[in-house]
């Protein structure tokens, strides 16, 4: 039986932390940030976590 390949798109987008939660990126951070309030831009700088209902699916893709 061959090994299962990981989904490379998921590997590039998610990182597993030591406590088992998964970090993800934030959307709307690439360009044209002048239209956003400063509060929105500050909020997008903070690390985001994947919702608990999606953790199992993402871990399966990253394996």
PDB file of N, CA and C in Angstrom:
ATOM      1  N   UNK A   1       0.848  -1.186   0.000  1.00  0.00           N
ATOM      2  CA  UNK A   1       0.000   0.000   0.000  1.00  0.00           C
ATOM      3  C   UNK A   1       0.887   1.240   0.000  1.00  0.00           C
ATOM      4  N   UNK A   2       0.688   2.174  -0.941  1.00  0.00           N
ATOM      5  CA  UNK A   2       1.542   3.362  -0.974  1.00  0.00           C
ATOM      6  C   UNK A   2       1.182   4.337   0.147  1.00  0.00           C
ATOM      7  N   UNK A   3       2.143   5.188   0.459  1.00  0.00           N
ATOM      8  CA  UNK A   3       1.903   6.200   1.478  1.00  0.00           C
ATOM      9  C   UNK A   3       0.893   7.226   0.962  1.00  0.00           C
ATOM     10  N   UNK A   4       0.135   7.813   1.883  1.00  0.00           N
ATOM     11  CA  UNK A   4      -0.791   8.883   1.517  1.00  0.00           C
ATOM     12  C   UNK A   4      -0.007  10.184   1.392  1.00  0.00           C
ATOM     13  N   UNK A   5      -0.247  10.923   0.335  1.00  0.00           N
ATOM     14  CA  UNK A   5       0.428  12.200   0.161  1.00  0.00           C
ATOM     15  C   UNK A   5      -0.337  13.290   0.900  1.00  0.00           C
ATOM     16  N   UNK A   6       0.414  14.262   1.410  1.00  0.00           N
ATOM     17  CA  UNK A   6      -0.243  15.401   2.042  1.00  0.00           C
ATOM     18  C   UNK A   6      -0.712  16.367   0.959  1.00  0.00           C
ATOM     19  N   UNK A   7      -1.713  17.161   1.300  1.00  0.00           N
ATOM     20  CA  UNK A   7      -2.231  18.175   0.382  1.00  0.00           C
ATOM     21  C   UNK A   7      -1.304  19.375   0.490  1.00  0.00           C
ATOM     22  N   UNK A   8      -0.537  19.640  -0.552  1.00  0.00           N
ATOM     23  CA  UNK A   8       0.498  20.671  -0.489  1.00  0.00           C
ATOM     24  C   UNK A   8      -0.088  22.060  -0.261  1.00  0.00           C
ATOM     25  N   UNK A   9      -1.277  22.324  -0.771  1.00  0.00           N
ATOM     26  CA  UNK A   9      -1.914  23.621  -0.546  1.00  0.00           C
ATOM     27  C   UNK A   9      -2.193  23.828   0.935  1.00  0.00           C
ATOM     28  N   UNK A  10      -2.597  22.766   1.629  1.00  0.00           N
ATOM     29  CA  UNK A  10      -2.869  22.866   3.059  1.00  0.00           C
ATOM     30  C   UNK A  10      -1.581  23.010   3.848  1.00  0.00           C
ATOM     31  N   UNK A  11      -0.529  22.320   3.428  1.00  0.00           N
ATOM     32  CA  UNK A  11       0.756  22.408   4.130  1.00  0.00           C
ATOM     33  C   UNK A  11       1.286  23.834   4.078  1.00  0.00           C
ATOM     34  N   UNK A  12       1.066  24.519   2.955  1.00  0.00           N
ATOM     35  CA  UNK A  12       1.563  25.887   2.806  1.00  0.00           C
ATOM     36  C   UNK A  12       0.735  26.888   3.608  1.00  0.00           C
ATOM     37  N   UNK A  13      -0.519  26.569   3.913  1.00  0.00           N
ATOM     38  CA  UNK A  13      -1.404  27.541   4.538  1.00  0.00           C
ATOM     39  C   UNK A  13      -1.539  27.401   6.048  1.00  0.00           C
ATOM     40  N   UNK A  14      -1.243  26.227   6.601  1.00  0.00           N
ATOM     41  CA  UNK A  14      -1.499  25.979   8.020  1.00  0.00           C
ATOM     42  C   UNK A  14      -0.236  25.511   8.724  1.00  0.00           C
ATOM     43  N   UNK A  15      -0.126  25.860  10.017  1.00  0.00           N
ATOM     44  CA  UNK A  15       0.964  25.393  10.868  1.00  0.00           C
ATOM     45  C   UNK A  15       0.363  24.841  12.153  1.00  0.00           C
ATOM     46  N   UNK A  16       0.829  23.676  12.588  1.00  0.00           N
ATOM     47  CA  UNK A  16       0.336  23.087  13.829  1.00  0.00           C
ATOM     48  C   UNK A  16       1.198  23.581  14.981  1.00  0.00           C
ATOM     49  N   UNK A  17       0.552  24.138  16.016  1.00  0.00           N
ATOM     50  CA  UNK A  17       1.270  24.607  17.191  1.00  0.00           C
ATOM     51  C   UNK A  17       1.532  23.438  18.133  1.00  0.00           C
ATOM     52  N   UNK A  18       2.365  23.662  19.145  1.00  0.00           N
ATOM     53  CA  UNK A  18       2.723  22.592  20.070  1.00  0.00           C
ATOM     54  C   UNK A  18       1.528  22.070  20.851  1.00  0.00           C
ATOM     55  N   UNK A  19       0.560  22.940  21.122  1.00  0.00           N
ATOM     56  CA  UNK A  19      -0.595  22.497  21.913  1.00  0.00           C
ATOM     57  C   UNK A  19      -1.677  21.837  21.052  1.00  0.00           C
ATOM     58  N   UNK A  20      -1.430  21.678  19.735  1.00  0.00           N
ATOM     59  CA  UNK A  20      -2.376  20.970  18.882  1.00  0.00           C
ATOM     60  C   UNK A  20      -3.316  21.862  18.095  1.00  0.00           C
ATOM     61  N   UNK A  21      -3.381  23.150  18.429  1.00  0.00           N
ATOM     62  CA  UNK A  21      -4.210  24.051  17.636  1.00  0.00           C
ATOM     63  C   UNK A  21      -3.493  24.365  16.331  1.00  0.00           C
ATOM     64  N   UNK A  22      -4.220  24.887  15.375  1.00  0.00           N
ATOM     65  CA  UNK A  22      -3.660  25.138  14.054  1.00  0.00           C
ATOM     66  C   UNK A  22      -3.772  26.623  13.740  1.00  0.00           C
ATOM     67  N   UNK A  23      -2.643  27.219  13.373  1.00  0.00           N
ATOM     68  CA  UNK A  23      -2.616  28.615  12.964  1.00  0.00           C
ATOM     69  C   UNK A  23      -2.993  28.722  11.500  1.00  0.00           C
ATOM     70  N   UNK A  24      -3.636  29.836  11.149  1.00  0.00           N
ATOM     71  CA  UNK A  24      -3.994  30.088   9.758  1.00  0.00           C
ATOM     72  C   UNK A  24      -3.702  31.545   9.450  1.00  0.00           C
ATOM     73  N   UNK A  25      -3.700  31.868   8.171  1.00  0.00           N
ATOM     74  CA  UNK A  25      -3.484  33.238   7.745  1.00  0.00           C
ATOM     75  C   UNK A  25      -4.764  34.050   7.829  1.00  0.00           C
ATOM     76  N   UNK A  26      -4.614  35.333   7.561  1.00  0.00           N
ATOM     77  CA  UNK A  26      -5.761  36.227   7.576  1.00  0.00           C
ATOM     78  C   UNK A  26      -6.020  36.725   6.158  1.00  0.00           C
ATOM     79  N   UNK A  27      -7.278  36.789   5.785  1.00  0.00           N
ATOM     80  CA  UNK A  27      -7.643  37.256   4.445  1.00  0.00           C
ATOM     81  C   UNK A  27      -7.607  38.782   4.386  1.00  0.00           C
ATOM     82  N   UNK A  28      -7.581  39.323   3.186  1.00  0.00           N
ATOM     83  CA  UNK A  28      -7.647  40.768   2.926  1.00  0.00           C
ATOM     84  C   UNK A  28      -6.431  41.508   3.479  1.00  0.00           C
ATOM     85  N   UNK A  29      -5.244  40.908   3.391  1.00  0.00           N
ATOM     86  CA  UNK A  29      -4.042  41.544   3.910  1.00  0.00           C
ATOM     87  C   UNK A  29      -3.021  41.848   2.826  1.00  0.00           C
ATOM     88  N   UNK A  30      -3.329  41.646   1.576  1.00  0.00           N
ATOM     89  CA  UNK A  30      -2.305  41.719   0.536  1.00  0.00           C
ATOM     90  C   UNK A  30      -2.080  43.133   0.005  1.00  0.00           C
ATOM     91  N   UNK A  31      -3.135  43.832  -0.354  1.00  0.00           N
ATOM     92  CA  UNK A  31      -2.970  45.159  -0.967  1.00  0.00           C
ATOM     93  C   UNK A  31      -4.243  45.967  -0.742  1.00  0.00           C
ATOM     94  N   UNK A  32      -4.196  47.244  -1.092  1.00  0.00           N
ATOM     95  CA  UNK A  32      -5.293  48.201  -0.934  1.00  0.00           C
ATOM     96  C   UNK A  32      -5.771  48.220   0.518  1.00  0.00           C
ATOM     97  N   UNK A  33      -4.828  48.363   1.425  1.00  0.00           N
ATOM     98  CA  UNK A  33      -5.168  48.390   2.847  1.00  0.00           C
ATOM     99  C   UNK A  33      -5.613  49.784   3.293  1.00  0.00           C
ATOM    100  N   UNK A  34      -5.478  50.779   2.438  1.00  0.00           N
ATOM    101  CA  UNK A  34      -5.841  52.137   2.822  1.00  0.00           C
ATOM    102  C   UNK A  34      -7.342  52.290   3.017  1.00  0.00           C
ATOM    103  N   UNK A  35      -8.131  51.396   2.446  1.00  0.00           N
ATOM    104  CA  UNK A  35      -9.587  51.483   2.593  1.00  0.00           C
ATOM    105  C   UNK A  35     -10.067  50.918   3.923  1.00  0.00           C
ATOM    106  N   UNK A  36      -9.200  50.198   4.628  1.00  0.00           N
ATOM    107  CA  UNK A  36      -9.600  49.582   5.896  1.00  0.00           C
ATOM    108  C   UNK A  36      -9.288  50.518   7.060  1.00  0.00           C
ATOM    109  N   UNK A  37     -10.084  50.422   8.139  1.00  0.00           N
ATOM    110  CA  UNK A  37      -9.757  51.216   9.327  1.00  0.00           C
ATOM    111  C   UNK A  37      -8.496  50.658   9.955  1.00  0.00           C
ATOM    112  N   UNK A  38      -7.901  51.468  10.796  1.00  0.00           N
ATOM    113  CA  UNK A  38      -6.703  51.045  11.517  1.00  0.00           C
ATOM    114  C   UNK A  38      -7.020  49.887  12.452  1.00  0.00           C
ATOM    115  N   UNK A  39      -8.217  49.897  13.040  1.00  0.00           N
ATOM    116  CA  UNK A  39      -8.596  48.820  13.957  1.00  0.00           C
ATOM    117  C   UNK A  39      -8.686  47.482  13.222  1.00  0.00           C
ATOM    118  N   UNK A  40      -9.209  47.499  12.006  1.00  0.00           N
ATOM    119  CA  UNK A  40      -9.302  46.270  11.213  1.00  0.00           C
ATOM    120  C   UNK A  40      -7.916  45.756  10.860  1.00  0.00           C
ATOM    121  N   UNK A  41      -7.018  46.659  10.476  1.00  0.00           N
ATOM    122  CA  UNK A  41      -5.657  46.243  10.121  1.00  0.00           C
ATOM    123  C   UNK A  41      -4.926  45.676  11.326  1.00  0.00           C
ATOM    124  N   UNK A  42      -5.111  46.275  12.496  1.00  0.00           N
ATOM    125  CA  UNK A  42      -4.488  45.751  13.715  1.00  0.00           C
ATOM    126  C   UNK A  42      -5.028  44.373  14.053  1.00  0.00           C
ATOM    127  N   UNK A  43      -6.321  44.179  13.891  1.00  0.00           N
ATOM    128  CA  UNK A  43      -6.942  42.877  14.173  1.00  0.00           C
ATOM    129  C   UNK A  43      -6.398  41.802  13.239  1.00  0.00           C
ATOM    130  N   UNK A  44      -6.130  42.171  11.998  1.00  0.00           N
ATOM    131  CA  UNK A  44      -5.623  41.193  11.044  1.00  0.00           C
ATOM    132  C   UNK A  44      -4.168  40.823  11.300  1.00  0.00           C
ATOM    133  N   UNK A  45      -3.432  41.631  12.051  1.00  0.00           N
ATOM    134  CA  UNK A  45      -2.046  41.304  12.388  1.00  0.00           C
ATOM    135  C   UNK A  45      -1.959  40.203  13.429  1.00  0.00           C
ATOM    136  N   UNK A  46      -2.994  40.051  14.239  1.00  0.00           N
ATOM    137  CA  UNK A  46      -2.940  39.054  15.304  1.00  0.00           C
ATOM    138  C   UNK A  46      -3.082  37.658  14.717  1.00  0.00           C
ATOM    139  N   UNK A  47      -2.468  36.652  15.353  1.00  0.00           N
ATOM    140  CA  UNK A  47      -2.553  35.292  14.820  1.00  0.00           C
ATOM    141  C   UNK A  47      -3.982  34.755  14.895  1.00  0.00           C
ATOM    142  N   UNK A  48      -4.368  34.008  13.896  1.00  0.00           N
ATOM    143  CA  UNK A  48      -5.703  33.416  13.837  1.00  0.00           C
ATOM    144  C   UNK A  48      -5.585  31.913  14.000  1.00  0.00           C
ATOM    145  N   UNK A  49      -6.604  31.301  14.580  1.00  0.00           N
ATOM    146  CA  UNK A  49      -6.641  29.859  14.773  1.00  0.00           C
ATOM    147  C   UNK A  49      -7.786  29.262  13.969  1.00  0.00           C
ATOM    148  N   UNK A  50      -7.596  28.031  13.545  1.00  0.00           N
ATOM    149  CA  UNK A  50      -8.634  27.307  12.818  1.00  0.00           C
ATOM    150  C   UNK A  50      -9.727  26.910  13.808  1.00  0.00           C
ATOM    151  N   UNK A  51     -10.971  26.959  13.382  1.00  0.00           N
ATOM    152  CA  UNK A  51     -12.097  26.598  14.231  1.00  0.00           C
ATOM    153  C   UNK A  51     -12.015  25.122  14.602  1.00  0.00           C
ATOM    154  N   UNK A  52     -12.510  24.799  15.779  1.00  0.00           N
ATOM    155  CA  UNK A  52     -12.380  23.435  16.301  1.00  0.00           C
ATOM    156  C   UNK A  52     -13.083  22.395  15.425  1.00  0.00           C
ATOM    157  N   UNK A  53     -14.110  22.795  14.679  1.00  0.00           N
ATOM    158  CA  UNK A  53     -14.814  21.837  13.826  1.00  0.00           C
ATOM    159  C   UNK A  53     -14.004  21.446  12.595  1.00  0.00           C
ATOM    160  N   UNK A  54     -12.966  22.218  12.253  1.00  0.00           N
ATOM    161  CA  UNK A  54     -12.172  21.949  11.062  1.00  0.00           C
ATOM    162  C   UNK A  54     -10.808  21.345  11.359  1.00  0.00           C
ATOM    163  N   UNK A  55     -10.446  21.217  12.628  1.00  0.00           N
ATOM    164  CA  UNK A  55      -9.097  20.776  12.982  1.00  0.00           C
ATOM    165  C   UNK A  55      -8.823  19.361  12.480  1.00  0.00           C
ATOM    166  N   UNK A  56      -9.760  18.451  12.637  1.00  0.00           N
ATOM    167  CA  UNK A  56      -9.532  17.060  12.223  1.00  0.00           C
ATOM    168  C   UNK A  56      -9.305  16.960  10.724  1.00  0.00           C
ATOM    169  N   UNK A  57     -10.071  17.689   9.942  1.00  0.00           N
ATOM    170  CA  UNK A  57      -9.933  17.641   8.486  1.00  0.00           C
ATOM    171  C   UNK A  57      -8.593  18.189   8.032  1.00  0.00           C
ATOM    172  N   UNK A  58      -8.147  19.274   8.664  1.00  0.00           N
ATOM    173  CA  UNK A  58      -6.877  19.871   8.273  1.00  0.00           C
ATOM    174  C   UNK A  58      -5.706  19.003   8.692  1.00  0.00           C
ATOM    175  N   UNK A  59      -5.777  18.396   9.868  1.00  0.00           N
ATOM    176  CA  UNK A  59      -4.705  17.502  10.290  1.00  0.00           C
ATOM    177  C   UNK A  59      -4.593  16.305   9.347  1.00  0.00           C
ATOM    178  N   UNK A  60      -5.718  15.834   8.835  1.00  0.00           N
ATOM    179  CA  UNK A  60      -5.709  14.731   7.879  1.00  0.00           C
ATOM    180  C   UNK A  60      -5.025  15.149   6.569  1.00  0.00           C
ATOM    181  N   UNK A  61      -5.254  16.386   6.152  1.00  0.00           N
ATOM    182  CA  UNK A  61      -4.631  16.871   4.923  1.00  0.00           C
ATOM    183  C   UNK A  61      -3.129  17.093   5.097  1.00  0.00           C
ATOM    184  N   UNK A  62      -2.708  17.512   6.280  1.00  0.00           N
ATOM    185  CA  UNK A  62      -1.303  17.841   6.507  1.00  0.00           C
ATOM    186  C   UNK A  62      -0.455  16.595   6.722  1.00  0.00           C
ATOM    187  N   UNK A  63      -1.021  15.507   7.185  1.00  0.00           N
ATOM    188  CA  UNK A  63      -0.256  14.278   7.474  1.00  0.00           C
ATOM    189  C   UNK A  63       0.718  13.921   6.387  1.00  0.00           C
TER     190      UNK A  63
END
